[in-house]
Protein backbone atom coordinates (compact mmCIF):
# COMPACT_ATOMS: atom_id res chain seq x y z
CA UNK A 1 0.00 0.00 0.00
CA UNK A 2 1.04 3.59 -0.48
CA UNK A 3 1.87 5.21 2.84
CA UNK A 4 -0.58 8.02 2.10
CA UNK A 5 -3.44 5.45 2.01
CA UNK A 6 -2.83 4.45 5.63
CA UNK A 7 -4.35 6.28 8.58
CA UNK A 8 -2.82 9.79 8.84
CA UNK A 9 -2.18 9.21 12.56
CA UNK A 10 0.41 6.59 11.58
CA UNK A 11 2.58 8.89 9.43
CA UNK A 12 4.97 9.96 12.20
CA UNK A 13 5.55 6.37 13.34
CA UNK A 14 6.01 5.19 9.75
CA UNK A 15 8.95 7.53 9.23
CA UNK A 16 10.86 5.72 12.01
CA UNK A 17 9.50 2.20 11.40
CA UNK A 18 11.61 -0.82 10.43
CA UNK A 19 10.55 -4.13 8.79
CA UNK A 20 8.86 -6.27 11.42
CA UNK A 21 7.50 -3.34 13.47
CA UNK A 22 3.82 -3.36 14.43
CA UNK A 23 2.01 -0.02 14.51
CA UNK A 24 -1.41 0.88 15.87
CA UNK A 25 -4.20 0.75 16.89
CA UNK A 26 -5.56 3.50 14.59
CA UNK A 27 -9.30 4.20 14.49
CA UNK A 28 -10.91 5.64 11.37
CA UNK A 29 -14.12 5.64 9.37
CA UNK A 30 -13.65 1.99 8.32
CA UNK A 31 -12.85 0.60 11.78
CA UNK A 32 -9.71 -0.09 13.81
CA UNK A 33 -6.42 -0.83 12.05
CA UNK A 34 -3.09 -2.44 13.00
CA UNK A 35 -0.13 -2.39 10.58
CA UNK A 36 2.80 -4.78 10.45
CA UNK A 37 5.69 -3.48 8.35
CA UNK A 38 6.87 -6.11 5.86
CA UNK A 39 9.29 -3.82 4.05
CA UNK A 40 9.52 -0.67 1.98
CA UNK A 41 9.57 -0.17 -1.79
CA UNK A 42 10.26 3.06 -3.64
CA UNK A 43 7.75 3.54 -6.48
CA UNK A 44 9.23 3.61 -9.98
CA UNK A 45 9.29 6.76 -12.11
CA UNK A 46 6.43 5.38 -14.22
CA UNK A 47 4.36 4.70 -11.10
CA UNK A 48 5.02 8.19 -9.77
CA UNK A 49 4.06 9.76 -13.11
CA UNK A 50 0.81 7.76 -13.22
CA UNK A 51 0.03 8.61 -9.59
CA UNK A 52 0.62 12.34 -10.08
CA UNK A 53 -1.37 12.35 -13.32
CA UNK A 54 -4.36 10.62 -11.74
CA UNK A 55 -4.24 12.83 -8.66
CA UNK A 56 -4.06 15.98 -10.78
CA UNK A 57 -6.96 14.80 -12.93
CA UNK A 58 -9.08 14.08 -9.86
CA UNK A 59 -8.10 17.41 -8.30
CA UNK A 60 -9.21 19.34 -11.40
CA UNK A 61 -12.58 17.63 -11.28
CA UNK A 62 -12.97 18.14 -7.50
CA UNK A 63 -11.98 21.81 -7.70
CA UNK A 64 -14.43 22.48 -10.54
CA UNK A 65 -17.31 20.75 -8.72
CA UNK A 66 -16.55 22.67 -5.51
CA UNK A 67 -16.54 25.93 -7.49
CA UNK A 68 -19.89 25.08 -9.07
CA UNK A 69 -21.47 24.38 -5.68
CA UNK A 70 -20.20 27.73 -4.35
CA UNK A 71 -21.18 29.60 -7.51
CA UNK A 72 -24.79 28.42 -7.34
CA UNK A 73 -25.00 28.67 -3.53
CA UNK A 74 -25.56 24.98 -2.79
CA UNK A 75 -26.62 24.54 0.87
CA UNK A 76 -27.57 21.41 2.82
CA UNK A 77 -30.54 21.76 5.20
CA UNK A 78 -29.02 20.69 8.51
CA UNK A 79 -32.47 20.02 10.02
CA UNK A 80 -32.94 17.11 7.59
CA UNK A 81 -29.74 15.22 8.45
CA UNK A 82 -30.97 13.25 11.48
CA UNK A 83 -34.28 12.48 9.78
CA UNK A 84 -32.54 11.05 6.73
CA UNK A 85 -30.05 9.08 8.87
CA UNK A 86 -32.94 7.54 10.82
CA UNK A 87 -34.98 6.82 7.65
CA UNK A 88 -32.12 5.15 5.79
CA UNK A 89 -31.19 3.14 8.88
CA UNK A 90 -34.70 1.77 9.34
CA UNK A 91 -36.11 1.59 5.78
CA UNK A 92 -34.91 0.19 2.47
CA UNK A 93 -34.49 2.57 -0.51
CA UNK A 94 -37.51 0.99 -2.23
CA UNK A 95 -39.63 1.57 0.87
CA UNK A 96 -38.53 5.21 1.07
CA UNK A 97 -39.26 5.82 -2.62
CA UNK A 98 -42.73 4.27 -2.29
CA UNK A 99 -43.55 6.61 0.61
CA UNK A 100 -42.61 9.85 -1.17
CA UNK A 101 -45.12 12.15 -2.77
CA UNK A 102 -44.94 13.55 -6.33
CA UNK A 103 -42.64 16.36 -5.14
CA UNK A 104 -40.16 13.89 -3.56
CA UNK A 105 -41.08 14.74 0.04
CA UNK A 106 -43.30 13.14 2.70
CA UNK A 107 -44.92 14.18 5.98
CA UNK A 108 -44.27 12.42 9.28
CA UNK A 109 -46.12 9.08 9.46
CA UNK A 110 -45.99 7.23 12.76
CA UNK A 111 -42.37 6.29 13.41
CA UNK A 112 -41.39 7.39 9.92
CA UNK A 113 -39.82 10.86 10.06
CA UNK A 114 -40.82 13.63 7.71
CA UNK A 115 -38.50 14.07 4.70
CA UNK A 116 -38.46 17.47 3.07
CA UNK A 117 -36.08 19.44 0.83
CA UNK A 118 -32.60 18.18 1.67
CA UNK A 119 -30.58 20.87 -0.10
CA UNK A 120 -31.06 23.93 -2.26
CA UNK A 121 -29.10 25.82 -4.87
CA UNK A 122 -29.97 28.69 -7.19
CA UNK A 123 -33.11 27.61 -9.03
CA UNK A 124 -33.12 23.97 -7.92
CA UNK A 125 -33.74 21.68 -4.95
CA UNK A 126 -32.67 18.17 -3.91
CA UNK A 127 -35.04 15.64 -2.36
CA UNK A 128 -34.59 12.08 -1.13
CA UNK A 129 -35.99 10.90 -4.45
CA UNK A 130 -33.17 12.74 -6.28
CA UNK A 131 -30.51 11.29 -3.96
CA UNK A 132 -31.61 7.66 -4.37
CA UNK A 133 -32.18 7.85 -8.13
CA UNK A 134 -29.05 9.83 -9.04
CA UNK A 135 -26.67 6.99 -8.20
CA UNK A 136 -27.16 3.38 -7.06
CA UNK A 137 -27.05 3.50 -3.23
CA UNK A 138 -24.47 1.42 -1.37
CA UNK A 139 -26.46 -1.10 0.65
CA UNK A 140 -25.45 -2.99 3.78
CA UNK A 141 -26.28 -6.59 4.59
CA UNK A 142 -29.76 -5.53 5.76
CA UNK A 143 -30.55 -3.94 2.37
CA UNK A 144 -30.45 -0.41 3.78
CA UNK A 145 -28.34 2.55 2.70
CA UNK A 146 -25.08 3.32 4.50
CA UNK A 147 -25.71 6.94 5.42
CA UNK A 148 -24.60 7.98 8.89
CA UNK A 149 -23.59 11.66 8.89
CA UNK A 150 -24.04 15.10 7.37
CA UNK A 151 -20.88 14.79 5.25
CA UNK A 152 -22.21 11.73 3.43
CA UNK A 153 -25.63 13.35 2.86
CA UNK A 154 -23.93 16.50 1.55
CA UNK A 155 -21.87 14.48 -0.92
CA UNK A 156 -24.87 12.48 -2.17
CA UNK A 157 -27.05 15.58 -2.49
CA UNK A 158 -24.32 17.41 -4.40
CA UNK A 159 -23.89 14.44 -6.74
CA UNK A 160 -27.63 14.57 -7.52
CA UNK A 161 -27.53 18.19 -8.68
CA UNK A 162 -24.04 18.53 -10.21
CA UNK A 163 -24.98 17.30 -13.75
CA UNK A 164 -27.59 20.05 -14.04
CA UNK A 165 -25.24 22.69 -12.64
CA UNK A 166 -22.51 21.63 -15.07
CA UNK A 167 -24.79 22.09 -18.09
CA UNK A 168 -26.09 25.37 -16.66
CA UNK A 169 -22.56 26.67 -16.17
CA UNK A 170 -21.65 25.71 -19.74
CA UNK A 171 -24.63 27.64 -21.13
CA UNK A 172 -23.93 30.72 -19.01
CA UNK A 173 -20.27 30.74 -20.11
CA UNK A 174 -21.27 30.30 -23.75
CA UNK A 175 -19.53 26.95 -24.10
CA UNK A 176 -22.67 25.45 -25.65
CA UNK A 177 -22.15 27.70 -28.66
CA UNK A 178 -19.16 25.60 -29.70
CA UNK A 179 -20.58 22.98 -32.13
CA UNK A 180 -18.68 20.03 -30.63
CA UNK A 181 -19.50 20.99 -27.04
CA UNK A 182 -23.12 21.61 -27.98
CA UNK A 183 -23.34 18.15 -29.50
CA UNK A 184 -21.88 16.49 -26.38
CA UNK A 185 -24.25 18.43 -24.14
CA UNK A 186 -27.22 17.48 -26.28
CA UNK A 187 -26.26 13.81 -26.22
CA UNK A 188 -25.78 13.94 -22.45
CA UNK A 189 -29.15 15.60 -21.95
CA UNK A 190 -30.88 13.13 -24.28
CA UNK A 191 -29.30 10.19 -22.47
CA UNK A 192 -30.43 11.51 -19.08
CA UNK A 193 -33.97 12.08 -20.33
CA UNK A 194 -34.12 8.69 -22.04
CA UNK A 195 -32.83 6.89 -18.94
CA UNK A 196 -35.41 8.69 -16.82
CA UNK A 197 -38.21 7.82 -19.24
CA UNK A 198 -37.23 4.14 -19.32
CA UNK A 199 -36.92 4.10 -15.52
CA UNK A 200 -40.43 5.51 -15.08
CA UNK A 201 -41.92 2.86 -17.36
CA UNK A 202 -39.93 -0.12 -16.07
CA UNK A 203 -42.04 -2.88 -14.56
CA UNK A 204 -41.48 -3.82 -10.94
CA UNK A 205 -39.11 -6.72 -10.36
CA UNK A 206 -41.13 -9.97 -10.31
CA UNK A 207 -41.17 -12.46 -7.48
CA UNK A 208 -38.92 -15.52 -7.39
CA UNK A 209 -41.51 -17.73 -9.09
CA UNK A 210 -41.62 -15.42 -12.14
CA UNK A 211 -37.82 -15.26 -12.27
CA UNK A 212 -37.62 -19.04 -12.13
CA UNK A 213 -40.10 -19.25 -15.01
CA UNK A 214 -37.92 -16.84 -17.02
CA UNK A 215 -34.86 -18.95 -16.17
CA UNK A 216 -36.58 -22.16 -17.34
CA UNK A 217 -37.63 -20.49 -20.60
CA UNK A 218 -34.06 -19.30 -21.30
CA UNK A 219 -32.15 -22.11 -19.61
CA UNK A 220 -29.85 -22.60 -22.62
CA UNK A 221 -28.43 -19.09 -22.06
CA UNK A 222 -27.15 -19.88 -18.58
CA UNK A 223 -24.19 -22.20 -18.98
CA UNK A 224 -21.01 -22.64 -16.97
CA UNK A 225 -18.13 -23.02 -19.47
CA UNK A 226 -15.42 -25.65 -19.20
CA UNK A 227 -13.51 -24.73 -16.08
CA UNK A 228 -9.98 -25.77 -15.17
CA UNK A 229 -9.09 -25.86 -11.47
CA UNK A 230 -5.45 -24.83 -11.47
CA UNK A 231 -2.69 -24.07 -9.01
CA UNK A 232 -1.33 -20.69 -10.00
CA UNK A 233 1.90 -19.05 -8.84
CA UNK A 234 2.69 -15.41 -9.63
CA UNK A 235 6.17 -13.94 -9.83
CA UNK A 236 7.32 -10.40 -10.48
CA UNK A 237 9.56 -11.12 -13.49
CA UNK A 238 9.37 -13.46 -16.49
CA UNK A 239 12.80 -15.09 -16.08
CA UNK A 240 12.07 -16.21 -12.50
CA UNK A 241 8.66 -17.50 -13.55
CA UNK A 242 10.25 -19.49 -16.41
CA UNK A 243 12.79 -20.98 -13.97
CA UNK A 244 9.95 -21.95 -11.63
CA UNK A 245 8.09 -23.65 -14.50
CA UNK A 246 11.18 -25.66 -15.51
CA UNK A 247 11.76 -26.76 -11.89
CA UNK A 248 8.11 -27.74 -11.43
CA UNK A 249 8.17 -29.90 -14.56
CA UNK A 250 11.25 -31.75 -13.37
CA UNK A 251 10.16 -32.16 -9.73
CA UNK A 252 6.61 -33.47 -9.94
CA UNK A 253 4.51 -30.36 -10.49
CA UNK A 254 3.30 -27.29 -8.63
CA UNK A 255 2.56 -28.97 -5.34
CA UNK A 256 2.03 -26.91 -2.22
CA UNK A 257 5.13 -28.41 -0.62
CA UNK A 258 7.23 -27.58 -3.69
CA UNK A 259 6.11 -23.96 -3.76
CA UNK A 260 6.48 -23.42 -0.01
CA UNK A 261 9.99 -24.91 -0.13
CA UNK A 262 10.93 -22.34 -2.77
CA UNK A 263 9.70 -19.41 -0.68
CA UNK A 264 6.20 -18.93 -2.06
CA UNK A 265 3.26 -18.07 0.20
CA UNK A 266 -0.27 -19.38 -0.32
CA UNK A 267 -3.21 -16.94 -0.50
CA UNK A 268 -6.36 -19.02 -0.25
CA UNK A 269 -9.48 -17.67 -1.91
CA UNK A 270 -7.64 -15.09 -4.00
CA UNK A 271 -8.34 -14.70 -7.71
CA UNK A 272 -5.37 -14.46 -10.05
CA UNK A 273 -5.72 -10.68 -10.74
CA UNK A 274 -5.58 -10.06 -6.97
CA UNK A 275 -2.33 -11.94 -6.41
CA UNK A 276 0.44 -9.43 -5.79
CA UNK A 277 3.82 -10.96 -6.65
CA UNK A 278 6.12 -8.04 -5.82
CA UNK A 279 8.79 -9.26 -3.43
CA UNK A 280 9.73 -7.14 -0.43
CA UNK A 281 12.74 -7.58 1.80
CA UNK A 282 12.04 -10.44 4.20
CA UNK A 283 8.78 -11.29 2.42
CA UNK A 284 7.79 -14.28 0.28
CA UNK A 285 9.40 -14.86 -3.09
CA UNK A 286 5.98 -14.98 -4.71
CA UNK A 287 2.36 -15.93 -4.06
CA UNK A 288 0.23 -18.86 -5.13
CA UNK A 289 -3.40 -19.97 -4.96
CA UNK A 290 -5.77 -22.60 -6.34
CA UNK A 291 -8.35 -20.95 -8.59
CA UNK A 292 -10.92 -21.79 -11.28
CA UNK A 293 -9.96 -20.69 -14.82
CA UNK A 294 -12.64 -20.46 -17.50
CA UNK A 295 -12.79 -18.85 -20.93
CA UNK A 296 -14.68 -15.69 -19.98
CA UNK A 297 -14.43 -12.53 -22.03
CA UNK A 298 -11.18 -10.66 -21.42
CA UNK A 299 -9.60 -13.49 -19.41
CA UNK A 300 -6.55 -14.54 -21.43
CA UNK A 301 -5.42 -17.01 -18.77
CA UNK A 302 -8.83 -18.71 -18.75
CA UNK A 303 -8.86 -18.97 -22.53
CA UNK A 304 -5.34 -20.45 -22.51
CA UNK A 305 -6.51 -23.10 -20.03
CA UNK A 306 -9.44 -24.06 -22.26
CA UNK A 307 -7.72 -26.98 -24.02
CA UNK A 308 -5.18 -27.99 -21.38
CA UNK A 309 -5.45 -31.50 -19.97
CA UNK A 310 -5.25 -32.44 -16.29
CA UNK A 311 -1.69 -32.22 -14.87
CA UNK A 312 -0.43 -30.23 -17.87
CA UNK A 313 1.19 -26.80 -17.49
CA UNK A 314 0.28 -23.50 -19.12
CA UNK A 315 3.07 -21.44 -20.70
CA UNK A 316 4.38 -18.48 -18.71
CA UNK A 317 1.92 -15.61 -19.23
CA UNK A 318 1.51 -12.05 -18.04
CA UNK A 319 -1.62 -11.85 -15.88
CA UNK A 320 -2.76 -9.88 -12.87
CA UNK A 321 0.23 -8.23 -11.23
CA UNK A 322 3.01 -10.38 -12.62
CA UNK A 323 3.98 -13.49 -14.57
CA UNK A 324 1.95 -16.63 -14.01
CA UNK A 325 2.95 -20.29 -13.81
CA UNK A 326 -0.07 -22.60 -13.72
CA UNK A 327 -0.78 -26.33 -13.65
CA UNK A 328 -4.25 -27.77 -14.24
CA UNK A 329 -5.27 -30.01 -11.32
CA UNK A 330 -8.75 -30.99 -12.50
CA UNK A 331 -11.34 -30.04 -15.10
CA UNK A 332 -15.06 -29.40 -14.70
CA UNK A 333 -16.84 -29.95 -18.00
CA UNK A 334 -19.44 -27.47 -19.28
CA UNK A 335 -22.79 -27.70 -17.53
CA UNK A 336 -25.97 -25.67 -17.09
CA UNK A 337 -26.01 -23.19 -14.22
CA UNK A 338 -28.56 -23.80 -11.49
CA UNK A 339 -31.10 -21.06 -10.83
CA UNK A 340 -29.25 -20.10 -7.64
CA UNK A 341 -25.94 -19.74 -9.52
CA UNK A 342 -27.57 -17.72 -12.33
CA UNK A 343 -29.97 -15.66 -10.18
CA UNK A 344 -28.15 -12.33 -10.62
CA UNK A 345 -27.87 -12.76 -14.38
CA UNK A 346 -31.52 -13.84 -14.62
CA UNK A 347 -32.65 -10.73 -12.75
CA UNK A 348 -30.50 -8.47 -14.93
CA UNK A 349 -31.67 -10.11 -18.17
CA UNK A 350 -35.32 -9.89 -17.12
CA UNK A 351 -34.96 -6.15 -16.54
CA UNK A 352 -33.10 -5.60 -19.81
CA UNK A 353 -35.71 -7.56 -21.77
CA UNK A 354 -38.46 -5.48 -20.21
CA UNK A 355 -36.68 -2.23 -21.09
CA UNK A 356 -35.97 -3.39 -24.64
CA UNK A 357 -39.60 -4.43 -25.15
CA UNK A 358 -40.88 -1.06 -23.99
CA UNK A 359 -38.38 0.82 -26.19
CA UNK A 360 -39.33 -1.26 -29.26
CA UNK A 361 -43.02 -0.57 -28.63
CA UNK A 362 -42.39 3.16 -28.40
CA UNK A 363 -40.27 3.11 -31.58
CA UNK A 364 -43.07 1.33 -33.43
CA UNK A 365 -45.47 4.13 -32.42
CA UNK A 366 -43.00 6.76 -33.61
CA UNK A 367 -42.50 5.01 -36.96
CA UNK A 368 -46.27 4.94 -37.47
CA UNK A 369 -46.68 8.57 -36.45
CA UNK A 370 -43.66 9.80 -38.42
CA UNK A 371 -43.29 7.54 -41.49
CA UNK A 372 -40.17 7.79 -43.62
CA UNK A 373 -40.68 10.11 -46.58
CA UNK A 374 -38.65 9.20 -49.66
CA UNK A 375 -37.56 12.02 -51.98
CA UNK A 376 -36.31 10.31 -55.20
CA UNK A 377 -35.10 13.60 -56.67
CA UNK A 378 -32.87 14.31 -53.67
CA UNK A 379 -31.56 10.75 -53.64
CA UNK A 380 -30.67 11.02 -57.30
CA UNK A 381 -28.94 14.34 -56.79
CA UNK A 382 -26.55 12.77 -54.29
CA UNK A 383 -26.08 9.64 -56.42
CA UNK A 384 -28.27 7.40 -54.22
CA UNK A 385 -31.04 5.18 -55.49
CA UNK A 386 -34.33 4.23 -53.87
CA UNK A 387 -34.56 0.49 -53.11
CA UNK A 388 -38.01 -1.11 -53.25
CA UNK A 389 -38.85 -3.60 -50.54
CA UNK A 390 -40.49 -6.98 -51.19
CA UNK A 391 -43.67 -5.65 -49.56
CA UNK A 392 -44.02 -2.98 -52.21
CA UNK A 393 -42.96 -0.08 -50.01
CA UNK A 394 -39.92 2.09 -50.49
CA UNK A 395 -36.99 2.64 -48.15
CA UNK A 396 -34.24 5.22 -48.56
């Protein structure tokens, strides 16, 4: 980890720390932390350049958004904070949305607190409806939003209104007069309006019985591809990985005992992209895990394992954070996914099919209301010909 990503209270101790030291306890927004120092690495010039570039890019965006909020006098209503914290801690987002009136507010109802205008800016307001719909809320295990303080509510309320303020600022500064900028703004506005229209007309998510019926109807779409269970070791450089592969072939394979004897540490449950091979002073030579590899899109290692037999090795490949040596331990042949395994995909596909059906229906209405008008003279003038369809109509 970068030192700056640790708790700021640890910075002074870090400057004096040595490998093996234990620092803490530090208490922050994510809990209580203890650090054991495994070693220190200086970032490369490329890493520093990337870090500075990303930080500068984020800073430009943050500074501009902060200026917009000041420019249009964005203010959070402090009297709403405790009400929203209580509501989000005791109700799900769907329950809150169902209780709101057309203006996005609600009066007090029994134990449910009143929810009014959360924030204001010049010419606009933010309600709980805006906050929930502007970005998918982060939910806890209980299905409720994680919103505990005024700072979080301020950030969510600002996020809900910033797209409008950005377009407003562009118009007031005359940026929308530039043809390219005007086009991008128009496309952004059209996308927002289209998404909102589709959202308003989306059917409610069906119960489990309806989702199971959809799964049965489209069962052929939910398949688990051939999956190789492989032991995978990751090293920081290609030459060391190639040497490990040669040794494994001559000494009986990538067994746990073999890897541990050569200074590798096992990380159970890790996926290959999350294996960090970079060696630190006093640390392991590399990391290894046992992971499923399947030919999913973008997974070069999984595709390479597609035709490899049990006990065979894959060639040294670049994957995750280093160079990979892998041996196939077993193979699971392709099979249909159970409903439980495919549940998330089934839910997503059901929603997408519903949206697509509604969009197609609306397009059919528009085509009927605004039929295509063919102008043969204009087509001829630009060297295009009218093509007659088999139904006797004409299409440009």
